[in-house]
Protein backbone atom coordinates (compact mmCIF):
# COMPACT_ATOMS: atom_id res chain seq x y z
CA MET A 1 83.11 -110.16 184.45
CA SER A 2 84.06 -113.62 186.31
CA ASN A 3 81.91 -112.61 189.49
CA GLU A 4 78.75 -112.11 187.25
CA ALA A 5 75.76 -114.77 187.02
CA PRO A 6 76.63 -116.75 184.04
CA ILE A 7 73.37 -115.83 182.34
CA GLN A 8 74.07 -112.25 182.46
CA ALA A 9 77.70 -112.57 181.53
CA LEU A 10 76.28 -114.17 178.24
CA ILE A 11 73.78 -111.31 177.96
CA ASN A 12 76.96 -108.70 178.08
CA VAL A 13 78.57 -110.88 175.56
CA MET A 14 75.60 -111.00 173.27
CA ALA A 15 75.43 -106.91 173.92
CA ALA A 16 79.12 -106.65 173.25
CA LEU A 17 78.79 -108.24 169.65
CA ARG A 18 75.66 -106.13 168.74
CA ASP A 19 77.60 -102.91 169.95
CA PRO A 20 77.10 -100.29 167.25
CA GLU A 21 80.82 -99.03 167.27
CA THR A 22 82.79 -102.05 168.57
CA GLY A 23 80.74 -105.00 167.75
CA CYS A 24 81.01 -108.05 165.59
CA PRO A 25 80.42 -106.71 161.89
CA TRP A 26 78.28 -110.01 161.05
CA ASP A 27 76.53 -109.92 164.31
CA LYS A 28 75.54 -106.05 164.06
CA GLU A 29 74.09 -106.96 160.31
CA GLN A 30 71.49 -109.73 161.43
CA ASP A 31 67.60 -109.26 162.32
CA PHE A 32 65.08 -111.81 163.81
CA ALA A 33 64.52 -113.02 160.20
CA THR A 34 68.18 -113.67 159.46
CA ILE A 35 68.60 -115.41 162.93
CA ALA A 36 65.73 -117.48 162.96
CA PRO A 37 66.90 -120.37 160.98
CA TYR A 38 69.73 -120.51 163.22
CA THR A 39 67.48 -120.85 166.17
CA ILE A 40 65.57 -123.67 164.22
CA GLU A 41 68.70 -125.33 163.49
CA GLU A 42 70.11 -125.30 167.05
CA ALA A 43 66.69 -126.95 168.28
CA TYR A 44 67.45 -129.75 166.05
CA GLU A 45 70.86 -130.15 167.59
CA VAL A 46 69.70 -130.31 170.95
CA ARG A 47 67.26 -133.32 169.74
CA ALA A 48 70.43 -135.00 168.24
CA ALA A 49 72.21 -134.68 171.19
CA ILE A 50 69.52 -136.30 173.40
CA ALA A 51 69.35 -139.09 170.58
CA ALA A 52 73.24 -139.36 171.01
CA GLY A 53 72.70 -140.18 174.81
CA ASP A 54 75.63 -137.72 175.32
CA PRO A 55 75.54 -135.22 178.13
CA ALA A 56 78.66 -132.88 177.07
CA GLN A 57 77.20 -132.79 173.82
CA LEU A 58 74.03 -131.94 175.35
CA GLN A 59 75.19 -129.30 177.54
CA ASP A 60 76.92 -127.67 174.71
CA GLU A 61 73.77 -127.86 172.33
CA LEU A 62 71.70 -126.18 175.01
CA GLY A 63 74.24 -123.46 175.36
CA ASP A 64 73.72 -123.05 171.78
CA LEU A 65 70.16 -122.75 172.01
CA LEU A 66 70.07 -120.65 174.95
CA PHE A 67 72.42 -118.09 172.99
CA GLN A 68 69.66 -117.89 170.17
CA VAL A 69 67.21 -116.52 173.08
CA VAL A 70 69.70 -113.95 174.15
CA TYR A 71 70.27 -112.99 170.74
CA HIS A 72 66.67 -112.36 169.78
CA ALA A 73 66.13 -110.88 173.17
CA GLN A 74 68.94 -108.46 172.35
CA MET A 75 67.65 -107.35 169.43
CA ALA A 76 64.24 -106.80 171.00
CA ALA A 77 65.75 -104.88 173.76
CA GLU A 78 67.56 -102.43 171.16
CA ARG A 79 64.21 -101.73 169.44
CA GLY A 80 62.58 -101.00 172.96
CA TRP A 81 60.24 -104.09 172.84
CA PHE A 82 61.36 -106.15 175.74
CA SER A 83 64.58 -107.36 177.66
CA PHE A 84 65.79 -111.06 178.36
CA ASP A 85 64.42 -110.55 181.82
CA ASP A 86 60.89 -109.99 180.67
CA VAL A 87 61.09 -113.00 178.37
CA ALA A 88 62.40 -115.00 181.71
CA ALA A 89 59.62 -113.22 183.79
CA GLY A 90 57.06 -114.17 181.14
CA ILE A 91 57.69 -117.65 180.85
CA THR A 92 58.02 -118.08 184.68
CA ALA A 93 54.79 -116.52 185.07
CA LYS A 94 52.78 -118.74 182.39
CA MET A 95 54.45 -121.93 184.00
CA ILE A 96 53.12 -121.02 187.44
CA ARG A 97 49.56 -120.11 185.95
CA ARG A 98 49.46 -123.63 184.02
CA HIS A 99 50.48 -125.59 186.94
CA PRO A 100 47.98 -124.51 189.60
CA HIS A 101 48.36 -127.92 190.89
CA VAL A 102 51.79 -127.28 192.01
CA PHE A 103 52.07 -123.66 192.81
CA GLY A 104 48.35 -123.19 193.97
CA GLU A 105 45.67 -124.70 195.86
CA GLU A 106 44.39 -127.15 193.15
CA ALA A 107 44.51 -130.97 194.02
CA SER A 108 47.25 -133.16 192.38
CA ARG A 109 46.72 -134.49 189.06
CA SER A 110 47.47 -137.22 186.87
CA ALA A 111 49.81 -136.68 183.55
CA ALA A 112 46.52 -137.34 181.46
CA ALA A 113 44.66 -135.02 183.45
CA GLN A 114 47.62 -132.50 183.43
CA THR A 115 47.70 -132.70 179.72
CA ALA A 116 43.74 -131.88 179.50
CA ALA A 117 44.06 -128.95 181.83
CA TRP A 118 47.34 -127.67 180.02
CA GLU A 119 45.40 -127.59 176.98
CA SER A 120 42.51 -126.01 178.24
CA GLN A 121 44.75 -123.19 180.05
CA LYS A 122 46.42 -122.79 176.36
CA GLU A 123 42.72 -122.38 174.82
CA ALA A 124 41.73 -119.40 177.43
CA GLU A 125 45.03 -117.84 176.82
CA ARG A 126 44.54 -117.78 172.78
CA ALA A 127 41.01 -116.20 173.44
CA SER A 128 42.60 -113.59 175.60
CA VAL A 129 44.39 -112.42 172.55
CA ALA A 130 41.49 -112.91 170.16
CA GLN A 131 42.43 -116.16 168.91
CA HIS A 132 39.39 -118.11 168.91
CA GLY A 133 39.70 -120.54 166.08
CA ALA A 134 40.60 -124.02 167.03
CA LEU A 135 43.57 -123.91 164.87
CA ASP A 136 44.56 -120.47 166.02
CA GLY A 137 48.13 -120.15 167.19
CA VAL A 138 49.81 -123.03 165.66
CA ALA A 139 53.14 -121.72 164.65
CA THR A 140 53.67 -121.39 161.11
CA ALA A 141 57.47 -121.87 161.12
CA LEU A 142 57.17 -125.55 162.29
CA PRO A 143 58.27 -128.47 160.05
CA ALA A 144 55.51 -129.20 157.87
CA LEU A 145 54.95 -132.98 159.44
CA LYS A 146 54.89 -131.53 162.87
CA ARG A 147 52.47 -128.65 161.85
CA ALA A 148 50.28 -130.89 160.19
CA GLN A 149 50.19 -133.09 163.30
CA LYS A 150 49.35 -130.31 165.61
CA LEU A 151 46.77 -128.85 162.90
CA THR A 152 45.05 -132.14 162.94
CA SER A 153 45.21 -132.59 166.89
CA ARG A 154 43.66 -129.37 167.41
CA ALA A 155 40.93 -130.12 164.81
CA ALA A 156 40.21 -133.58 166.56
CA ARG A 157 39.64 -131.81 169.97
CA VAL A 158 36.70 -130.50 168.20
CA LYS A 159 35.44 -133.81 166.91
CA PHE A 160 36.81 -133.12 163.37
CA ASP A 161 38.46 -136.33 163.06
CA TRP A 162 38.44 -140.15 161.69
CA PRO A 163 36.66 -142.52 164.35
CA ASP A 164 39.83 -144.74 163.97
CA ALA A 165 43.16 -145.63 162.40
CA ASN A 166 41.21 -148.10 159.75
CA ALA A 167 39.34 -145.08 158.47
CA VAL A 168 42.49 -142.82 157.90
CA LEU A 169 43.88 -146.28 155.79
CA GLU A 170 40.79 -146.09 153.76
CA LYS A 171 41.12 -142.30 153.32
CA LEU A 172 44.81 -143.21 152.26
CA ASP A 173 43.73 -145.74 149.72
CA GLU A 174 41.47 -142.84 147.92
CA GLU A 175 44.45 -140.38 148.15
CA ILE A 176 46.80 -143.07 146.29
CA ALA A 177 44.20 -143.24 143.53
CA GLU A 178 43.79 -139.50 143.16
CA LEU A 179 47.39 -139.31 142.97
CA LYS A 180 47.60 -142.28 140.33
CA ALA A 181 44.88 -140.41 138.12
CA GLU A 182 47.15 -137.05 138.44
CA LEU A 183 49.99 -138.96 137.05
CA ALA A 184 48.18 -139.64 133.82
CA GLU A 185 47.66 -136.04 133.17
CA ALA A 186 51.21 -135.33 134.49
CA LYS A 187 50.52 -131.58 135.62
CA PRO A 188 53.05 -130.80 138.33
CA ALA A 189 50.81 -128.33 140.40
CA ARG A 190 48.18 -130.81 140.49
CA ILE A 191 50.62 -133.88 141.28
CA ALA A 192 51.98 -131.40 143.95
CA ASP A 193 48.71 -131.01 145.23
CA GLU A 194 47.53 -134.66 145.74
CA LEU A 195 51.10 -135.48 147.14
CA GLY A 196 50.44 -132.98 149.72
CA ASP A 197 47.17 -134.61 150.60
CA LEU A 198 48.69 -138.07 150.63
CA LEU A 199 51.43 -136.82 153.11
CA PHE A 200 48.79 -135.01 155.35
CA VAL A 201 46.77 -138.40 155.52
CA LEU A 202 49.79 -140.05 156.50
CA VAL A 203 50.58 -137.59 159.43
CA ASN A 204 47.07 -138.40 160.54
CA LEU A 205 47.77 -142.15 160.24
CA ALA A 206 50.50 -141.41 162.64
CA ARG A 207 48.57 -139.40 164.91
CA LYS A 208 45.80 -141.80 165.26
CA LEU A 209 48.38 -144.64 165.96
CA GLY A 210 49.84 -142.67 168.97
CA GLN A 211 53.03 -141.90 167.00
CA ASP A 212 54.96 -138.55 166.10
CA ALA A 213 55.12 -138.28 162.31
CA GLU A 214 58.28 -136.18 162.24
CA ALA A 215 60.10 -138.91 164.32
CA CYS A 216 58.64 -141.60 162.54
CA LEU A 217 60.28 -139.92 159.36
CA GLU A 218 63.48 -139.20 161.16
CA GLY A 219 63.94 -142.67 162.02
CA ALA A 220 63.13 -143.87 158.40
CA ASN A 221 65.76 -141.68 157.32
CA GLU A 222 68.54 -142.91 159.93
CA LYS A 223 67.54 -146.34 158.68
CA PHE A 224 68.10 -145.45 155.21
CA ILE A 225 71.42 -144.13 155.82
CA ARG A 226 72.58 -147.47 157.68
CA ARG A 227 71.31 -149.67 155.22
CA PHE A 228 72.71 -147.70 152.10
CA SER A 229 76.11 -147.23 153.90
CA ARG A 230 75.88 -151.07 154.10
CA VAL A 231 75.32 -151.33 150.68
CA GLU A 232 78.42 -149.36 149.77
CA THR A 233 80.44 -151.23 152.16
CA LEU A 234 79.19 -154.69 150.50
CA LEU A 235 79.82 -153.02 146.91
CA ALA A 236 83.33 -151.88 147.87
CA GLN A 237 84.53 -155.40 149.10
CA SER A 238 83.67 -156.78 145.63
CA GLY A 239 85.61 -153.82 143.99
CA LYS A 240 82.65 -151.66 143.07
CA THR A 241 80.79 -148.27 143.76
CA PRO A 242 76.95 -147.51 143.25
CA ARG A 243 78.03 -145.57 140.18
CA ASP A 244 79.51 -148.56 138.42
CA SER A 245 76.73 -151.31 139.54
CA THR A 246 73.29 -152.41 138.55
CA LEU A 247 70.18 -151.85 140.43
CA GLU A 248 69.90 -155.48 140.66
CA GLU A 249 73.45 -155.64 142.57
CA MET A 250 72.50 -152.96 145.00
CA GLU A 251 68.85 -154.53 145.62
CA ARG A 252 70.50 -157.72 146.47
CA PHE A 253 73.02 -155.99 149.08
CA TRP A 254 70.10 -154.04 150.45
CA VAL A 255 68.24 -157.13 151.38
CA THR A 256 71.20 -158.27 152.90
CA ALA A 257 71.41 -155.21 154.96
CA LYS A 258 67.90 -155.51 156.07
CA GLN A 259 68.46 -159.34 156.72
CA GLU A 260 71.74 -158.21 158.88
CA GLY A 261 69.02 -155.93 160.90
CA LEU A 262 70.03 -152.67 159.99
């Protein structure tokens, strides 16, 4: 096994784990649906490693993500659908097709021109598999914020969009007013509907401002963790915990955390 190319060794390990007779009981029981959540989780772990700036961690997490690809390819091969080599060959052909300025005769492009050409190529590919709608092909499994941003970006390409961020802010005020009206009725389904509309408009605002909504929210999450952890530390220094503190005390320490730049 030591003389095998690393990718082939990994493919063989996966095949052994799925062997009907001698494989791992847990691995043999899995299918595409049960493995999918792990695939998504590993992609997020890669992002976390990148944010941490840790090359060793990134290498490890990329390996975990690659294993997920091999896992799905193995299950597909067992059904006679396709193999890992088919997956690799397919993505290689696609990248060559989408970069004629690198692999063909077309003139070199700027990054902006390449982005436009990339989207045109993807539209042509979707049309070839009968995906003609502007929103066709946006993955349903994406996180909701990212999916909303992709959906609205697609709509914007066919001119279904607000003219600028100020127009989105006006729509945001409208949605907040509608949510307030529903709060008076206290009907959970209607409140959920209006909250969804509000979040959707916020995603549009992020897009119009050139921001990634998912990344913005992740940044807010991390900032909340830093500040609340500081609140807990300051409370502990006075012999308290959040459970036996007042909201006013915690708010005071929250302001301190903000002033400290957390």
